C-alpha atoms as a PDB file:
ATOM      1  CA  MET A   1      -0.011  -0.006   0.010  1.00  0.00           C
ATOM      2  CA  ALA A   2       1.529   3.294  -1.130  1.00  0.00           C
ATOM      3  CA  THR A   3       1.187   6.340   1.108  1.00  0.00           C
ATOM      4  CA  MET A   4       0.902   9.769  -0.478  1.00  0.00           C
ATOM      5  CA  PHE A   5       2.484  12.674   1.344  1.00  0.00           C
ATOM      6  CA  ARG A   6       1.545  16.243   0.718  1.00  0.00           C
ATOM      7  CA  LYS A   7       4.436  18.548  -0.061  1.00  0.00           C
ATOM      8  CA  PRO A   8       4.879  20.867   2.964  1.00  0.00           C
ATOM      9  CA  THR A   9       3.931  24.505   2.525  1.00  0.00           C
ATOM     10  CA  GLN A  10       6.841  26.907   2.683  1.00  0.00           C
ATOM     11  CA  PHE A  11       6.371  30.183   4.449  1.00  0.00           C
ATOM     12  CA  LEU A  12       7.908  33.597   4.638  1.00  0.00           C
ATOM     13  CA  MET A  13       7.996  34.647   8.284  1.00  0.00           C
ATOM     14  CA  TRP A  14       7.285  38.312   9.056  1.00  0.00           C
ATOM     15  CA  TYR A  15       7.646  39.870  12.493  1.00  0.00           C
ATOM     16  CA  ASP A  16       6.401  43.321  13.482  1.00  0.00           C
ATOM     17  CA  ASP A  17       5.721  44.197  17.090  1.00  0.00           C
ATOM     18  CA  ASN A  18       5.093  47.929  16.539  1.00  0.00           C
ATOM     19  CA  PRO A  19       1.912  48.642  18.568  1.00  0.00           C
ATOM     20  CA  LYS A  20       1.148  51.677  16.370  1.00  0.00           C
ATOM     21  CA  ILE A  21       0.646  49.564  13.241  1.00  0.00           C
ATOM     22  CA  PRO A  22      -2.709  47.760  12.931  1.00  0.00           C
ATOM     23  CA  THR A  23      -2.661  44.001  12.284  1.00  0.00           C
ATOM     24  CA  HIS A  24      -4.136  44.387   8.776  1.00  0.00           C
ATOM     25  CA  GLU A  25      -1.244  46.667   7.776  1.00  0.00           C
ATOM     26  CA  LYS A  26       1.264  44.199   9.169  1.00  0.00           C
ATOM     27  CA  ILE A  27      -0.286  41.441   7.106  1.00  0.00           C
ATOM     28  CA  GLU A  28      -0.303  43.642   4.002  1.00  0.00           C
ATOM     29  CA  GLU A  29       3.416  44.306   4.484  1.00  0.00           C
ATOM     30  CA  ALA A  30       4.089  40.599   4.959  1.00  0.00           C
ATOM     31  CA  LEU A  31       2.161  39.770   1.767  1.00  0.00           C
ATOM     32  CA  GLU A  32       4.120  42.394  -0.186  1.00  0.00           C
ATOM     33  CA  ALA A  33       7.401  40.970   1.109  1.00  0.00           C
ATOM     34  CA  PHE A  34       6.337  37.500   0.000  1.00  0.00           C
ATOM     35  CA  VAL A  35       5.615  38.745  -3.527  1.00  0.00           C
ATOM     36  CA  ARG A  36       8.792  40.841  -3.656  1.00  0.00           C
ATOM     37  CA  SER A  37      10.971  37.913  -2.678  1.00  0.00           C
ATOM     38  CA  LYS A  38      10.086  36.056  -5.918  1.00  0.00           C
ATOM     39  CA  ARG A  39      11.089  32.758  -4.302  1.00  0.00           C
ATOM     40  CA  TRP A  40       7.641  31.290  -4.831  1.00  0.00           C
ATOM     41  CA  ARG A  41       5.714  30.773  -8.048  1.00  0.00           C
ATOM     42  CA  GLN A  42       2.328  31.233  -6.460  1.00  0.00           C
ATOM     43  CA  GLN A  43       0.612  34.287  -5.054  1.00  0.00           C
ATOM     44  CA  PRO A  44       0.121  33.933  -1.299  1.00  0.00           C
ATOM     45  CA  ASN A  45      -3.312  32.784  -0.132  1.00  0.00           C
ATOM     46  CA  LEU A  46      -2.627  31.866   3.497  1.00  0.00           C
ATOM     47  CA  VAL A  47      -1.312  33.661   6.572  1.00  0.00           C
ATOM     48  CA  LEU A  48      -0.774  31.750   9.817  1.00  0.00           C
ATOM     49  CA  VAL A  49      -0.962  33.924  12.922  1.00  0.00           C
ATOM     50  CA  ASN A  50      -1.231  33.745  16.681  1.00  0.00           C
ATOM     51  CA  GLU A  51      -4.841  33.350  17.901  1.00  0.00           C
ATOM     52  CA  ALA A  52      -4.784  36.953  19.192  1.00  0.00           C
ATOM     53  CA  ASP A  53      -3.913  38.279  15.711  1.00  0.00           C
ATOM     54  CA  VAL A  54      -6.716  36.626  13.705  1.00  0.00           C
ATOM     55  CA  ILE A  55      -8.635  39.070  11.494  1.00  0.00           C
ATOM     56  CA  ASP A  56     -10.770  38.869   8.361  1.00  0.00           C
ATOM     57  CA  PHE A  57      -8.710  39.681   5.292  1.00  0.00           C
ATOM     58  CA  LYS A  58      -9.998  39.972   1.723  1.00  0.00           C
ATOM     59  CA  ASP A  59      -8.997  37.040  -0.534  1.00  0.00           C
ATOM     60  CA  ILE A  60      -6.512  35.629   2.031  1.00  0.00           C
ATOM     61  CA  THR A  61      -7.111  32.934   4.611  1.00  0.00           C
ATOM     62  CA  VAL A  62      -5.892  34.092   8.010  1.00  0.00           C
ATOM     63  CA  ARG A  63      -5.665  31.008  10.209  1.00  0.00           C
ATOM     64  CA  PRO A  64      -4.651  30.743  13.872  1.00  0.00           C
ATOM     65  CA  ALA A  65      -1.826  28.385  14.824  1.00  0.00           C
ATOM     66  CA  ALA A  66      -0.970  27.754  18.463  1.00  0.00           C
ATOM     67  CA  HIS A  67       2.791  27.568  17.840  1.00  0.00           C
ATOM     68  CA  ILE A  68       3.021  31.066  16.332  1.00  0.00           C
ATOM     69  CA  ARG A  69       3.901  33.952  18.639  1.00  0.00           C
ATOM     70  CA  ARG A  70       2.098  37.314  18.720  1.00  0.00           C
ATOM     71  CA  ASN A  71       3.019  39.774  15.944  1.00  0.00           C
ATOM     72  CA  THR A  72       4.490  36.999  13.807  1.00  0.00           C
ATOM     73  CA  PHE A  73       2.931  36.290  10.420  1.00  0.00           C
ATOM     74  CA  TRP A  74       3.737  33.229   8.322  1.00  0.00           C
ATOM     75  CA  VAL A  75       2.773  33.917   4.704  1.00  0.00           C
ATOM     76  CA  GLY A  76       2.456  31.075   2.225  1.00  0.00           C
ATOM     77  CA  TYR A  77       0.498  29.331  -0.489  1.00  0.00           C
ATOM     78  CA  GLU A  78      -1.780  26.410   0.297  1.00  0.00           C
ATOM     79  CA  ASP A  79      -2.884  24.249  -2.595  1.00  0.00           C
ATOM     80  CA  ALA A  80      -6.518  23.465  -1.830  1.00  0.00           C
ATOM     81  CA  SER A  81      -6.607  20.578  -4.305  1.00  0.00           C
ATOM     82  CA  ALA A  82      -3.776  18.826  -2.405  1.00  0.00           C
ATOM     83  CA  LEU A  83      -5.812  19.032   0.780  1.00  0.00           C
ATOM     84  CA  ASP A  84      -8.691  17.136  -0.799  1.00  0.00           C
ATOM     85  CA  ALA A  85      -6.525  14.231  -1.909  1.00  0.00           C
END
């Protein structure tokens, strides 16, 4: 019996603890850094955050992850079709 493993998602980690900058702006900056880096072929569609930093964001899934510290944003691409397999 063959076991299929999903390729792990790679992330760009962004940290910004400036209390004067709202969370949505921090996420926008992290998304822009992801695109600027040109390391990935896909546009980002996922941001993992601490539970305290969860917000609604247009066209991007913002998902809490217990292992992520406050003010840290992991930006990546999640292939939805790979999740269904």
